[in-house]
Amino acid sequence: MINLKGNKTNLSAIVFDLGNVLVDWDPERFMFDLGIKPEFIPRLAEITDRRPEWSEYDKGTYSRDEIAEMAIRDEPSLRREIKHYLKHRAECFSALTPNVELMYRAKEMGLKTYLLSNCSQADYDYFYDHFIFLHDMDGTVISGACRLGKPDPAIFELLLKTYPEIDPAHTLFVDDVAANCEAGAKAGLLTLNLPPQGVIDEYLEITEEN
């Protein structure tokens, strides 16, 4: 059995966010790893991953090239760095092994596992090719495919409509963004607002049944 510490509700499913939950997300470190000069990194992060329009990129409203054009207009002097970073950004992600292992442990104990992520279709396609654990989800809803994004209640409604076997009262939603967890709770899910790259099983009680 698996339940949240302090909550005796046995879980039948876990819905995972992707960034900072199953894979790392650290734009500044990614830029450094790609050889971008440290003095350029704060501004480059501000006009790419941390720009307001990035959420629309995740929903497919803008393409990667359109985001690049916006960033270049903001900071023409960083044209080369912008193009290099956005071209190779997805290659910098790596799996958060303890949480992936927890996902598989939950599956072995009979729980269903799902992905609910704000992620562009292009990025997700790359991740799907490089992270085998994504193949083993029982269901997936990503913003780039449905043109909705967390914390919009509509994306939670879509998740529950698409996978009617999910019992919200016995399902844990794990996300690193408080607003997304608040929206998940309003949809009836149990929630865990995980610190970025935190270890999920530290917040769970896991009892192996004989």
N, C-alpha and C. Protein backbone atom coordinates (compact mmCIF):
# COMPACT_ATOMS: atom_id res chain seq x y z
N MET A 1 0.84 -1.19 0.00
CA MET A 1 0.00 0.00 0.00
C MET A 1 0.88 1.25 0.00
N ILE A 2 0.38 2.29 -0.64
CA ILE A 2 1.08 3.57 -0.67
C ILE A 2 0.10 4.66 -0.29
N ASN A 3 0.49 5.52 0.64
CA ASN A 3 -0.32 6.68 0.97
C ASN A 3 0.60 7.83 1.38
N LEU A 4 0.06 9.02 1.32
CA LEU A 4 0.80 10.19 1.79
C LEU A 4 1.00 10.10 3.29
N LYS A 5 2.16 10.52 3.77
CA LYS A 5 2.38 10.57 5.21
C LYS A 5 1.32 11.47 5.85
N GLY A 6 0.71 10.96 6.90
CA GLY A 6 -0.32 11.73 7.59
C GLY A 6 -1.69 11.61 6.97
N ASN A 7 -1.80 10.84 5.89
CA ASN A 7 -3.09 10.64 5.23
C ASN A 7 -3.25 9.15 5.00
N LYS A 8 -4.29 8.58 5.55
CA LYS A 8 -4.46 7.12 5.50
C LYS A 8 -5.16 6.64 4.23
N THR A 9 -5.43 7.55 3.31
CA THR A 9 -6.07 7.15 2.06
C THR A 9 -5.10 6.34 1.21
N ASN A 10 -5.44 5.11 0.91
CA ASN A 10 -4.59 4.29 0.05
C ASN A 10 -4.69 4.77 -1.39
N LEU A 11 -3.55 4.87 -2.03
CA LEU A 11 -3.51 5.37 -3.40
C LEU A 11 -3.74 4.25 -4.40
N SER A 12 -4.48 4.58 -5.46
CA SER A 12 -4.66 3.66 -6.58
C SER A 12 -3.94 4.15 -7.82
N ALA A 13 -3.49 5.42 -7.80
CA ALA A 13 -2.81 5.99 -8.97
C ALA A 13 -1.98 7.19 -8.55
N ILE A 14 -0.95 7.48 -9.35
CA ILE A 14 -0.14 8.70 -9.18
C ILE A 14 -0.07 9.41 -10.52
N VAL A 15 -0.33 10.70 -10.51
CA VAL A 15 -0.19 11.55 -11.70
C VAL A 15 1.05 12.41 -11.49
N PHE A 16 2.01 12.27 -12.39
CA PHE A 16 3.28 12.98 -12.27
C PHE A 16 3.35 14.17 -13.21
N ASP A 17 3.90 15.26 -12.72
CA ASP A 17 4.42 16.31 -13.59
C ASP A 17 5.73 15.77 -14.17
N LEU A 18 6.29 16.47 -15.16
CA LEU A 18 7.55 16.02 -15.76
C LEU A 18 8.74 16.83 -15.24
N GLY A 19 8.82 18.11 -15.59
CA GLY A 19 9.96 18.92 -15.18
C GLY A 19 10.06 19.11 -13.68
N ASN A 20 11.22 18.84 -13.12
CA ASN A 20 11.52 18.94 -11.70
C ASN A 20 10.85 17.86 -10.87
N VAL A 21 10.18 16.91 -11.53
CA VAL A 21 9.57 15.78 -10.83
C VAL A 21 10.16 14.46 -11.35
N LEU A 22 10.09 14.24 -12.66
CA LEU A 22 10.69 13.03 -13.25
C LEU A 22 11.96 13.33 -14.03
N VAL A 23 12.11 14.57 -14.49
CA VAL A 23 13.37 15.00 -15.11
C VAL A 23 13.75 16.35 -14.49
N ASP A 24 15.03 16.66 -14.54
CA ASP A 24 15.48 17.93 -13.98
C ASP A 24 15.10 19.08 -14.91
N TRP A 25 15.03 20.27 -14.35
CA TRP A 25 14.80 21.49 -15.14
C TRP A 25 15.56 22.61 -14.48
N ASP A 26 16.64 23.02 -15.12
CA ASP A 26 17.53 24.03 -14.55
C ASP A 26 18.15 24.80 -15.71
N PRO A 27 17.41 25.77 -16.28
CA PRO A 27 17.89 26.46 -17.49
C PRO A 27 19.28 27.04 -17.37
N GLU A 28 19.56 27.66 -16.21
CA GLU A 28 20.88 28.28 -16.07
C GLU A 28 21.99 27.24 -16.13
N ARG A 29 21.78 26.09 -15.50
CA ARG A 29 22.80 25.04 -15.58
C ARG A 29 22.89 24.47 -16.99
N PHE A 30 21.76 24.32 -17.65
CA PHE A 30 21.76 23.83 -19.02
C PHE A 30 22.62 24.75 -19.90
N MET A 31 22.43 26.05 -19.74
CA MET A 31 23.18 27.01 -20.55
C MET A 31 24.67 26.91 -20.28
N PHE A 32 25.02 26.78 -19.01
CA PHE A 32 26.43 26.63 -18.66
C PHE A 32 27.00 25.37 -19.29
N ASP A 33 26.25 24.27 -19.22
CA ASP A 33 26.71 22.99 -19.79
C ASP A 33 26.87 23.07 -21.30
N LEU A 34 26.12 23.97 -21.93
CA LEU A 34 26.21 24.12 -23.39
C LEU A 34 27.30 25.11 -23.79
N GLY A 35 28.06 25.57 -22.82
CA GLY A 35 29.21 26.41 -23.13
C GLY A 35 28.91 27.89 -23.27
N ILE A 36 27.75 28.32 -22.83
CA ILE A 36 27.40 29.74 -22.90
C ILE A 36 28.12 30.49 -21.78
N LYS A 37 28.68 31.64 -22.11
CA LYS A 37 29.46 32.40 -21.13
C LYS A 37 28.59 32.76 -19.92
N PRO A 38 29.14 32.59 -18.71
CA PRO A 38 28.34 32.84 -17.49
C PRO A 38 27.72 34.22 -17.43
N GLU A 39 28.41 35.22 -17.97
CA GLU A 39 27.87 36.58 -17.87
C GLU A 39 26.61 36.78 -18.73
N PHE A 40 26.39 35.87 -19.71
CA PHE A 40 25.21 35.98 -20.56
C PHE A 40 24.01 35.20 -20.00
N ILE A 41 24.26 34.30 -19.07
CA ILE A 41 23.23 33.33 -18.67
C ILE A 41 22.00 33.95 -18.02
N PRO A 42 22.12 34.87 -17.06
CA PRO A 42 20.90 35.43 -16.45
C PRO A 42 19.96 36.07 -17.47
N ARG A 43 20.51 36.84 -18.38
CA ARG A 43 19.67 37.51 -19.38
C ARG A 43 19.11 36.49 -20.37
N LEU A 44 19.90 35.52 -20.75
CA LEU A 44 19.43 34.50 -21.70
C LEU A 44 18.28 33.70 -21.10
N ALA A 45 18.37 33.36 -19.83
CA ALA A 45 17.28 32.63 -19.17
C ALA A 45 16.01 33.48 -19.12
N GLU A 46 16.20 34.77 -18.86
CA GLU A 46 15.06 35.68 -18.74
C GLU A 46 14.28 35.78 -20.05
N ILE A 47 14.97 35.73 -21.19
CA ILE A 47 14.29 35.93 -22.47
C ILE A 47 13.93 34.62 -23.17
N THR A 48 14.25 33.49 -22.53
CA THR A 48 13.84 32.20 -23.12
C THR A 48 12.90 31.48 -22.14
N ASP A 49 13.40 30.52 -21.38
CA ASP A 49 12.54 29.71 -20.50
C ASP A 49 11.69 30.53 -19.54
N ARG A 50 12.17 31.66 -19.11
CA ARG A 50 11.47 32.41 -18.08
C ARG A 50 10.64 33.57 -18.64
N ARG A 51 10.51 33.66 -19.95
CA ARG A 51 9.70 34.72 -20.54
C ARG A 51 8.22 34.37 -20.42
N PRO A 52 7.32 35.35 -20.35
CA PRO A 52 5.89 35.08 -20.18
C PRO A 52 5.30 34.20 -21.28
N GLU A 53 5.81 34.34 -22.50
CA GLU A 53 5.23 33.58 -23.62
C GLU A 53 5.62 32.11 -23.62
N TRP A 54 6.52 31.70 -22.70
CA TRP A 54 6.96 30.30 -22.73
C TRP A 54 5.79 29.35 -22.46
N SER A 55 4.86 29.77 -21.62
CA SER A 55 3.70 28.90 -21.36
C SER A 55 2.89 28.67 -22.63
N GLU A 56 2.88 29.66 -23.52
CA GLU A 56 2.18 29.49 -24.79
C GLU A 56 2.97 28.60 -25.75
N TYR A 57 4.29 28.64 -25.64
CA TYR A 57 5.11 27.68 -26.39
C TYR A 57 4.78 26.26 -25.96
N ASP A 58 4.66 26.06 -24.66
CA ASP A 58 4.31 24.73 -24.15
C ASP A 58 2.96 24.26 -24.68
N LYS A 59 2.04 25.19 -24.92
CA LYS A 59 0.71 24.83 -25.40
C LYS A 59 0.64 24.78 -26.93
N GLY A 60 1.76 25.04 -27.59
CA GLY A 60 1.79 24.96 -29.05
C GLY A 60 1.35 26.22 -29.76
N THR A 61 1.10 27.30 -29.01
CA THR A 61 0.70 28.56 -29.64
C THR A 61 1.84 29.14 -30.44
N TYR A 62 3.06 29.01 -29.91
CA TYR A 62 4.26 29.48 -30.58
C TYR A 62 5.19 28.31 -30.84
N SER A 63 5.92 28.38 -31.95
CA SER A 63 6.95 27.38 -32.23
C SER A 63 8.26 27.79 -31.56
N ARG A 64 9.21 26.87 -31.58
CA ARG A 64 10.53 27.18 -31.03
C ARG A 64 11.17 28.34 -31.80
N ASP A 65 10.99 28.36 -33.13
CA ASP A 65 11.56 29.43 -33.94
C ASP A 65 10.94 30.78 -33.60
N GLU A 66 9.64 30.77 -33.29
CA GLU A 66 8.98 32.02 -32.93
C GLU A 66 9.47 32.53 -31.58
N ILE A 67 9.68 31.61 -30.65
CA ILE A 67 10.25 32.02 -29.36
C ILE A 67 11.66 32.58 -29.57
N ALA A 68 12.43 31.96 -30.44
CA ALA A 68 13.78 32.45 -30.74
C ALA A 68 13.72 33.87 -31.31
N GLU A 69 12.77 34.11 -32.21
CA GLU A 69 12.64 35.44 -32.80
C GLU A 69 12.29 36.49 -31.74
N MET A 70 11.40 36.12 -30.82
CA MET A 70 11.05 37.05 -29.74
C MET A 70 12.28 37.36 -28.89
N ALA A 71 13.03 36.33 -28.55
CA ALA A 71 14.20 36.52 -27.71
C ALA A 71 15.25 37.37 -28.42
N ILE A 72 15.42 37.15 -29.70
CA ILE A 72 16.41 37.93 -30.46
C ILE A 72 16.00 39.39 -30.53
N ARG A 73 14.69 39.65 -30.68
CA ARG A 73 14.22 41.04 -30.66
C ARG A 73 14.52 41.69 -29.31
N ASP A 74 14.41 40.91 -28.24
CA ASP A 74 14.69 41.45 -26.91
C ASP A 74 16.18 41.72 -26.71
N GLU A 75 17.02 40.85 -27.28
CA GLU A 75 18.46 40.94 -27.04
C GLU A 75 19.22 40.51 -28.29
N PRO A 76 19.27 41.39 -29.31
CA PRO A 76 19.93 41.03 -30.57
C PRO A 76 21.38 40.58 -30.41
N SER A 77 22.05 41.10 -29.41
CA SER A 77 23.47 40.77 -29.22
C SER A 77 23.67 39.31 -28.84
N LEU A 78 22.59 38.63 -28.39
CA LEU A 78 22.70 37.23 -27.98
C LEU A 78 22.11 36.29 -29.02
N ARG A 79 22.02 36.74 -30.26
CA ARG A 79 21.41 35.92 -31.31
C ARG A 79 22.04 34.53 -31.38
N ARG A 80 23.35 34.44 -31.40
CA ARG A 80 24.01 33.14 -31.54
C ARG A 80 23.71 32.25 -30.35
N GLU A 81 23.79 32.82 -29.15
CA GLU A 81 23.54 32.04 -27.94
C GLU A 81 22.09 31.57 -27.86
N ILE A 82 21.16 32.44 -28.25
CA ILE A 82 19.74 32.07 -28.24
C ILE A 82 19.49 30.88 -29.15
N LYS A 83 19.97 30.96 -30.36
CA LYS A 83 19.74 29.88 -31.32
C LYS A 83 20.40 28.57 -30.86
N HIS A 84 21.62 28.69 -30.35
CA HIS A 84 22.33 27.49 -29.89
C HIS A 84 21.59 26.85 -28.71
N TYR A 85 21.18 27.67 -27.76
CA TYR A 85 20.51 27.14 -26.59
C TYR A 85 19.18 26.47 -26.94
N LEU A 86 18.36 27.15 -27.71
CA LEU A 86 17.04 26.59 -28.01
C LEU A 86 17.14 25.34 -28.88
N LYS A 87 18.17 25.27 -29.71
CA LYS A 87 18.35 24.08 -30.54
C LYS A 87 18.73 22.86 -29.70
N HIS A 88 19.55 23.07 -28.66
CA HIS A 88 20.11 21.94 -27.91
C HIS A 88 19.54 21.80 -26.50
N ARG A 89 18.62 22.64 -26.13
CA ARG A 89 18.08 22.67 -24.77
C ARG A 89 17.56 21.32 -24.30
N ALA A 90 16.75 20.66 -25.12
CA ALA A 90 16.14 19.39 -24.71
C ALA A 90 17.17 18.32 -24.39
N GLU A 91 18.35 18.42 -25.01
CA GLU A 91 19.39 17.42 -24.80
C GLU A 91 19.98 17.48 -23.39
N CYS A 92 19.72 18.56 -22.67
CA CYS A 92 20.35 18.77 -21.37
C CYS A 92 19.58 18.11 -20.22
N PHE A 93 18.34 17.74 -20.45
CA PHE A 93 17.54 17.15 -19.38
C PHE A 93 18.05 15.75 -19.03
N SER A 94 17.92 15.40 -17.77
CA SER A 94 18.24 14.03 -17.35
C SER A 94 17.18 13.56 -16.35
N ALA A 95 17.03 12.25 -16.27
CA ALA A 95 16.01 11.68 -15.40
C ALA A 95 16.38 11.88 -13.93
N LEU A 96 15.38 12.12 -13.09
CA LEU A 96 15.56 12.16 -11.64
C LEU A 96 15.33 10.74 -11.15
N THR A 97 16.42 9.99 -11.04
CA THR A 97 16.37 8.54 -10.84
C THR A 97 15.52 8.10 -9.66
N PRO A 98 15.63 8.72 -8.47
CA PRO A 98 14.80 8.24 -7.35
C PRO A 98 13.31 8.30 -7.64
N ASN A 99 12.88 9.33 -8.36
CA ASN A 99 11.45 9.48 -8.63
C ASN A 99 10.99 8.53 -9.74
N VAL A 100 11.86 8.28 -10.70
CA VAL A 100 11.53 7.28 -11.73
C VAL A 100 11.44 5.90 -11.09
N GLU A 101 12.35 5.62 -10.17
CA GLU A 101 12.31 4.33 -9.47
C GLU A 101 11.03 4.21 -8.64
N LEU A 102 10.60 5.31 -8.03
CA LEU A 102 9.35 5.30 -7.27
C LEU A 102 8.18 5.02 -8.20
N MET A 103 8.21 5.60 -9.39
CA MET A 103 7.15 5.33 -10.36
C MET A 103 7.02 3.84 -10.64
N TYR A 104 8.16 3.20 -10.88
CA TYR A 104 8.13 1.77 -11.18
C TYR A 104 7.74 0.95 -9.95
N ARG A 105 8.16 1.37 -8.81
CA ARG A 105 7.78 0.65 -7.59
C ARG A 105 6.26 0.73 -7.41
N ALA A 106 5.70 1.90 -7.66
CA ALA A 106 4.24 2.05 -7.56
C ALA A 106 3.53 1.13 -8.53
N LYS A 107 4.05 1.05 -9.75
CA LYS A 107 3.44 0.16 -10.74
C LYS A 107 3.51 -1.29 -10.29
N GLU A 108 4.64 -1.68 -9.73
CA GLU A 108 4.79 -3.05 -9.24
C GLU A 108 3.80 -3.37 -8.12
N MET A 109 3.38 -2.34 -7.40
CA MET A 109 2.43 -2.53 -6.30
C MET A 109 0.99 -2.38 -6.76
N GLY A 110 0.80 -2.25 -8.08
CA GLY A 110 -0.54 -2.25 -8.64
C GLY A 110 -1.14 -0.89 -8.90
N LEU A 111 -0.39 0.19 -8.68
CA LEU A 111 -0.92 1.52 -8.94
C LEU A 111 -0.77 1.86 -10.42
N LYS A 112 -1.69 2.65 -10.93
CA LYS A 112 -1.59 3.20 -12.27
C LYS A 112 -0.76 4.48 -12.21
N THR A 113 -0.04 4.77 -13.28
CA THR A 113 0.77 6.00 -13.31
C THR A 113 0.45 6.79 -14.57
N TYR A 114 0.38 8.10 -14.41
CA TYR A 114 0.00 8.99 -15.50
C TYR A 114 0.94 10.20 -15.51
N LEU A 115 1.01 10.84 -16.67
CA LEU A 115 1.81 12.06 -16.83
C LEU A 115 0.88 13.20 -17.18
N LEU A 116 1.00 14.33 -16.49
CA LEU A 116 0.26 15.55 -16.79
C LEU A 116 1.28 16.69 -16.79
N SER A 117 1.65 17.16 -17.97
CA SER A 117 2.80 18.05 -18.07
C SER A 117 2.53 19.23 -18.99
N ASN A 118 3.02 20.40 -18.59
CA ASN A 118 3.12 21.54 -19.50
C ASN A 118 4.39 21.36 -20.30
N CYS A 119 4.25 20.88 -21.52
CA CYS A 119 5.40 20.53 -22.35
C CYS A 119 5.00 20.64 -23.81
N SER A 120 5.84 21.26 -24.61
CA SER A 120 5.55 21.36 -26.04
C SER A 120 5.59 19.98 -26.68
N GLN A 121 4.88 19.83 -27.79
CA GLN A 121 4.88 18.55 -28.47
C GLN A 121 6.28 18.18 -28.96
N ALA A 122 7.02 19.18 -29.47
CA ALA A 122 8.37 18.90 -29.97
C ALA A 122 9.28 18.42 -28.84
N ASP A 123 9.22 19.07 -27.69
CA ASP A 123 10.05 18.65 -26.56
C ASP A 123 9.63 17.26 -26.08
N TYR A 124 8.31 17.04 -25.99
CA TYR A 124 7.85 15.73 -25.52
C TYR A 124 8.28 14.62 -26.46
N ASP A 125 8.22 14.86 -27.76
CA ASP A 125 8.65 13.85 -28.72
C ASP A 125 10.12 13.49 -28.48
N TYR A 126 10.94 14.49 -28.20
CA TYR A 126 12.35 14.22 -27.90
C TYR A 126 12.47 13.41 -26.61
N PHE A 127 11.76 13.83 -25.58
CA PHE A 127 11.83 13.11 -24.30
C PHE A 127 11.36 11.67 -24.46
N TYR A 128 10.30 11.48 -25.24
CA TYR A 128 9.74 10.13 -25.41
C TYR A 128 10.76 9.21 -26.07
N ASP A 129 11.56 9.77 -26.96
CA ASP A 129 12.59 8.98 -27.63
C ASP A 129 13.77 8.67 -26.72
N HIS A 130 13.97 9.47 -25.68
CA HIS A 130 15.17 9.34 -24.86
C HIS A 130 14.94 8.87 -23.42
N PHE A 131 13.70 8.89 -22.96
CA PHE A 131 13.39 8.44 -21.60
C PHE A 131 12.39 7.29 -21.68
N ILE A 132 12.90 6.07 -21.50
CA ILE A 132 12.08 4.89 -21.70
C ILE A 132 10.91 4.84 -20.72
N PHE A 133 11.06 5.45 -19.54
CA PHE A 133 9.98 5.39 -18.55
C PHE A 133 8.70 6.03 -19.06
N LEU A 134 8.81 6.97 -20.00
CA LEU A 134 7.60 7.59 -20.56
C LEU A 134 6.77 6.58 -21.34
N HIS A 135 7.41 5.53 -21.85
CA HIS A 135 6.69 4.48 -22.57
C HIS A 135 5.83 3.66 -21.63
N ASP A 136 6.13 3.71 -20.35
CA ASP A 136 5.48 2.83 -19.39
C ASP A 136 4.38 3.51 -18.59
N MET A 137 4.05 4.74 -18.94
CA MET A 137 2.93 5.41 -18.30
C MET A 137 1.61 4.76 -18.74
N ASP A 138 0.63 4.78 -17.86
CA ASP A 138 -0.70 4.27 -18.22
C ASP A 138 -1.52 5.29 -18.98
N GLY A 139 -1.07 6.52 -18.98
CA GLY A 139 -1.74 7.57 -19.73
C GLY A 139 -0.97 8.86 -19.67
N THR A 140 -1.15 9.70 -20.68
CA THR A 140 -0.39 10.94 -20.77
C THR A 140 -1.26 12.06 -21.31
N VAL A 141 -1.19 13.22 -20.66
CA VAL A 141 -1.81 14.44 -21.17
C VAL A 141 -0.74 15.52 -21.11
N ILE A 142 -0.38 16.08 -22.27
CA ILE A 142 0.60 17.16 -22.31
C ILE A 142 -0.03 18.38 -22.98
N SER A 143 0.42 19.54 -22.55
CA SER A 143 -0.17 20.79 -23.02
C SER A 143 0.00 20.97 -24.53
N GLY A 144 1.14 20.53 -25.06
CA GLY A 144 1.40 20.73 -26.47
C GLY A 144 0.45 19.97 -27.39
N ALA A 145 -0.15 18.91 -26.88
CA ALA A 145 -1.09 18.12 -27.67
C ALA A 145 -2.52 18.60 -27.53
N CYS A 146 -2.88 19.07 -26.32
CA CYS A 146 -4.28 19.44 -26.08
C CYS A 146 -4.52 20.95 -26.10
N ARG A 147 -3.45 21.74 -26.19
CA ARG A 147 -3.53 23.20 -26.22
C ARG A 147 -4.14 23.78 -24.95
N LEU A 148 -3.97 23.04 -23.86
CA LEU A 148 -4.35 23.52 -22.53
C LEU A 148 -3.14 23.40 -21.63
N GLY A 149 -3.11 24.17 -20.55
CA GLY A 149 -1.96 24.09 -19.65
C GLY A 149 -2.37 24.24 -18.21
N LYS A 150 -1.61 23.61 -17.32
CA LYS A 150 -1.81 23.83 -15.88
C LYS A 150 -1.48 25.28 -15.55
N PRO A 151 -2.21 25.91 -14.65
CA PRO A 151 -3.23 25.36 -13.74
C PRO A 151 -4.66 25.49 -14.24
N ASP A 152 -4.87 25.62 -15.53
CA ASP A 152 -6.23 25.70 -16.06
C ASP A 152 -7.03 24.47 -15.63
N PRO A 153 -8.18 24.65 -14.98
CA PRO A 153 -8.98 23.49 -14.57
C PRO A 153 -9.34 22.58 -15.73
N ALA A 154 -9.39 23.13 -16.94
CA ALA A 154 -9.81 22.34 -18.10
C ALA A 154 -8.85 21.18 -18.39
N ILE A 155 -7.57 21.35 -18.07
CA ILE A 155 -6.63 20.26 -18.37
C ILE A 155 -6.81 19.12 -17.37
N PHE A 156 -7.22 19.44 -16.16
CA PHE A 156 -7.52 18.39 -15.18
C PHE A 156 -8.82 17.67 -15.56
N GLU A 157 -9.79 18.43 -16.05
CA GLU A 157 -11.03 17.83 -16.52
C GLU A 157 -10.74 16.88 -17.68
N LEU A 158 -9.84 17.29 -18.57
CA LEU A 158 -9.48 16.45 -19.70
C LEU A 158 -8.81 15.17 -19.24
N LEU A 159 -7.91 15.27 -18.27
CA LEU A 159 -7.25 14.09 -17.74
C LEU A 159 -8.27 13.08 -17.22
N LEU A 160 -9.22 13.56 -16.42
CA LEU A 160 -10.19 12.66 -15.80
C LEU A 160 -11.21 12.12 -16.82
N LYS A 161 -11.49 12.91 -17.85
CA LYS A 161 -12.39 12.45 -18.90
C LYS A 161 -11.71 11.42 -19.78
N THR A 162 -10.43 11.65 -20.07
CA THR A 162 -9.68 10.75 -20.95
C THR A 162 -9.41 9.41 -20.27
N TYR A 163 -9.18 9.46 -18.97
CA TYR A 163 -8.86 8.24 -18.21
C TYR A 163 -9.89 8.08 -17.07
N PRO A 164 -11.09 7.64 -17.41
CA PRO A 164 -12.17 7.57 -16.41
C PRO A 164 -11.90 6.58 -15.29
N GLU A 165 -10.89 5.72 -15.47
CA GLU A 165 -10.55 4.78 -14.41
C GLU A 165 -9.89 5.47 -13.22
N ILE A 166 -9.44 6.72 -13.40
CA ILE A 166 -8.81 7.45 -12.30
C ILE A 166 -9.88 7.81 -11.27
N ASP A 167 -9.63 7.43 -10.03
CA ASP A 167 -10.49 7.82 -8.91
C ASP A 167 -9.77 8.97 -8.20
N PRO A 168 -10.21 10.22 -8.40
CA PRO A 168 -9.49 11.37 -7.86
C PRO A 168 -9.21 11.26 -6.36
N ALA A 169 -10.16 10.73 -5.61
CA ALA A 169 -10.00 10.67 -4.15
C ALA A 169 -8.89 9.72 -3.72
N HIS A 170 -8.46 8.84 -4.63
CA HIS A 170 -7.39 7.89 -4.32
C HIS A 170 -6.20 8.07 -5.27
N THR A 171 -6.09 9.26 -5.84
CA THR A 171 -5.02 9.54 -6.80
C THR A 171 -4.18 10.71 -6.32
N LEU A 172 -2.87 10.54 -6.33
CA LEU A 172 -1.93 11.59 -5.92
C LEU A 172 -1.40 12.31 -7.15
N PHE A 173 -1.48 13.64 -7.14
CA PHE A 173 -0.91 14.48 -8.19
C PHE A 173 0.34 15.14 -7.63
N VAL A 174 1.48 14.93 -8.29
CA VAL A 174 2.77 15.46 -7.84
C VAL A 174 3.25 16.52 -8.82
N ASP A 175 3.49 17.72 -8.31
CA ASP A 175 3.92 18.84 -9.16
C ASP A 175 4.81 19.75 -8.32
N ASP A 176 5.72 20.47 -8.98
CA ASP A 176 6.61 21.37 -8.25
C ASP A 176 6.08 22.80 -8.18
N VAL A 177 4.91 23.06 -8.76
CA VAL A 177 4.34 24.41 -8.78
C VAL A 177 3.09 24.45 -7.91
N ALA A 178 3.07 25.34 -6.93
CA ALA A 178 1.97 25.39 -5.97
C ALA A 178 0.64 25.63 -6.65
N ALA A 179 0.59 26.54 -7.62
CA ALA A 179 -0.68 26.85 -8.29
C ALA A 179 -1.25 25.63 -9.00
N ASN A 180 -0.37 24.80 -9.55
CA ASN A 180 -0.83 23.58 -10.22
C ASN A 180 -1.41 22.60 -9.21
N CYS A 181 -0.78 22.51 -8.04
CA CYS A 181 -1.30 21.62 -6.99
C CYS A 181 -2.64 22.12 -6.47
N GLU A 182 -2.78 23.43 -6.35
CA GLU A 182 -4.07 23.99 -5.92
C GLU A 182 -5.16 23.64 -6.91
N ALA A 183 -4.85 23.72 -8.21
CA ALA A 183 -5.83 23.36 -9.23
C ALA A 183 -6.14 21.87 -9.18
N GLY A 184 -5.13 21.05 -8.94
CA GLY A 184 -5.35 19.62 -8.82
C GLY A 184 -6.25 19.29 -7.64
N ALA A 185 -6.05 19.98 -6.52
CA ALA A 185 -6.88 19.74 -5.35
C ALA A 185 -8.33 20.12 -5.63
N LYS A 186 -8.54 21.20 -6.38
CA LYS A 186 -9.90 21.61 -6.73
C LYS A 186 -10.56 20.58 -7.64
N ALA A 187 -9.75 19.83 -8.39
CA ALA A 187 -10.28 18.76 -9.24
C ALA A 187 -10.54 17.48 -8.45
N GLY A 188 -10.25 17.51 -7.15
CA GLY A 188 -10.54 16.38 -6.29
C GLY A 188 -9.38 15.46 -6.03
N LEU A 189 -8.20 15.77 -6.58
CA LEU A 189 -7.02 14.94 -6.41
C LEU A 189 -6.31 15.23 -5.09
N LEU A 190 -5.67 14.22 -4.54
CA LEU A 190 -4.70 14.45 -3.48
C LEU A 190 -3.47 15.07 -4.13
N THR A 191 -2.77 15.94 -3.44
CA THR A 191 -1.66 16.63 -4.08
C THR A 191 -0.41 16.63 -3.22
N LEU A 192 0.73 16.68 -3.91
CA LEU A 192 2.03 16.83 -3.27
C LEU A 192 2.80 17.90 -4.03
N ASN A 193 2.98 19.06 -3.37
CA ASN A 193 3.78 20.14 -3.96
C ASN A 193 5.24 19.86 -3.66
N LEU A 194 5.88 19.18 -4.58
CA LEU A 194 7.25 18.71 -4.38
C LEU A 194 8.24 19.84 -4.56
N PRO A 195 9.20 20.01 -3.65
CA PRO A 195 10.27 20.97 -3.92
C PRO A 195 10.99 20.58 -5.22
N PRO A 196 11.49 21.55 -5.99
CA PRO A 196 12.16 21.22 -7.24
C PRO A 196 13.21 20.12 -7.06
N GLN A 197 13.04 19.05 -7.82
CA GLN A 197 13.94 17.89 -7.80
C GLN A 197 13.94 17.19 -6.44
N GLY A 198 12.85 17.35 -5.68
CA GLY A 198 12.72 16.64 -4.42
C GLY A 198 12.50 15.15 -4.65
N VAL A 199 12.61 14.39 -3.58
CA VAL A 199 12.47 12.92 -3.66
C VAL A 199 11.07 12.55 -3.16
N ILE A 200 10.26 12.00 -4.04
CA ILE A 200 8.85 11.78 -3.75
C ILE A 200 8.64 10.83 -2.58
N ASP A 201 9.41 9.75 -2.54
CA ASP A 201 9.09 8.73 -1.52
C ASP A 201 9.38 9.20 -0.10
N GLU A 202 10.05 10.34 0.05
CA GLU A 202 10.23 10.91 1.39
C GLU A 202 8.90 11.41 1.97
N TYR A 203 7.90 11.59 1.11
CA TYR A 203 6.61 12.11 1.53
C TYR A 203 5.53 11.02 1.57
N LEU A 204 5.95 9.78 1.36
CA LEU A 204 5.00 8.67 1.29
C LEU A 204 5.25 7.66 2.38
N GLU A 205 4.20 6.91 2.71
CA GLU A 205 4.32 5.72 3.53
C GLU A 205 4.04 4.53 2.61
N ILE A 206 5.02 3.65 2.52
CA ILE A 206 4.92 2.50 1.62
C ILE A 206 4.98 1.22 2.45
N THR A 207 3.94 0.44 2.33
CA THR A 207 3.86 -0.80 3.09
C THR A 207 3.76 -1.96 2.10
N GLU A 208 4.74 -2.84 2.16
CA GLU A 208 4.73 -4.02 1.30
C GLU A 208 3.76 -5.04 1.89
N GLU A 209 2.79 -5.45 1.06
CA GLU A 209 1.83 -6.45 1.52
C GLU A 209 2.36 -7.84 1.28
N ASN A 210 2.14 -8.73 2.20
CA ASN A 210 2.57 -10.13 2.05
C ASN A 210 1.53 -10.92 1.26
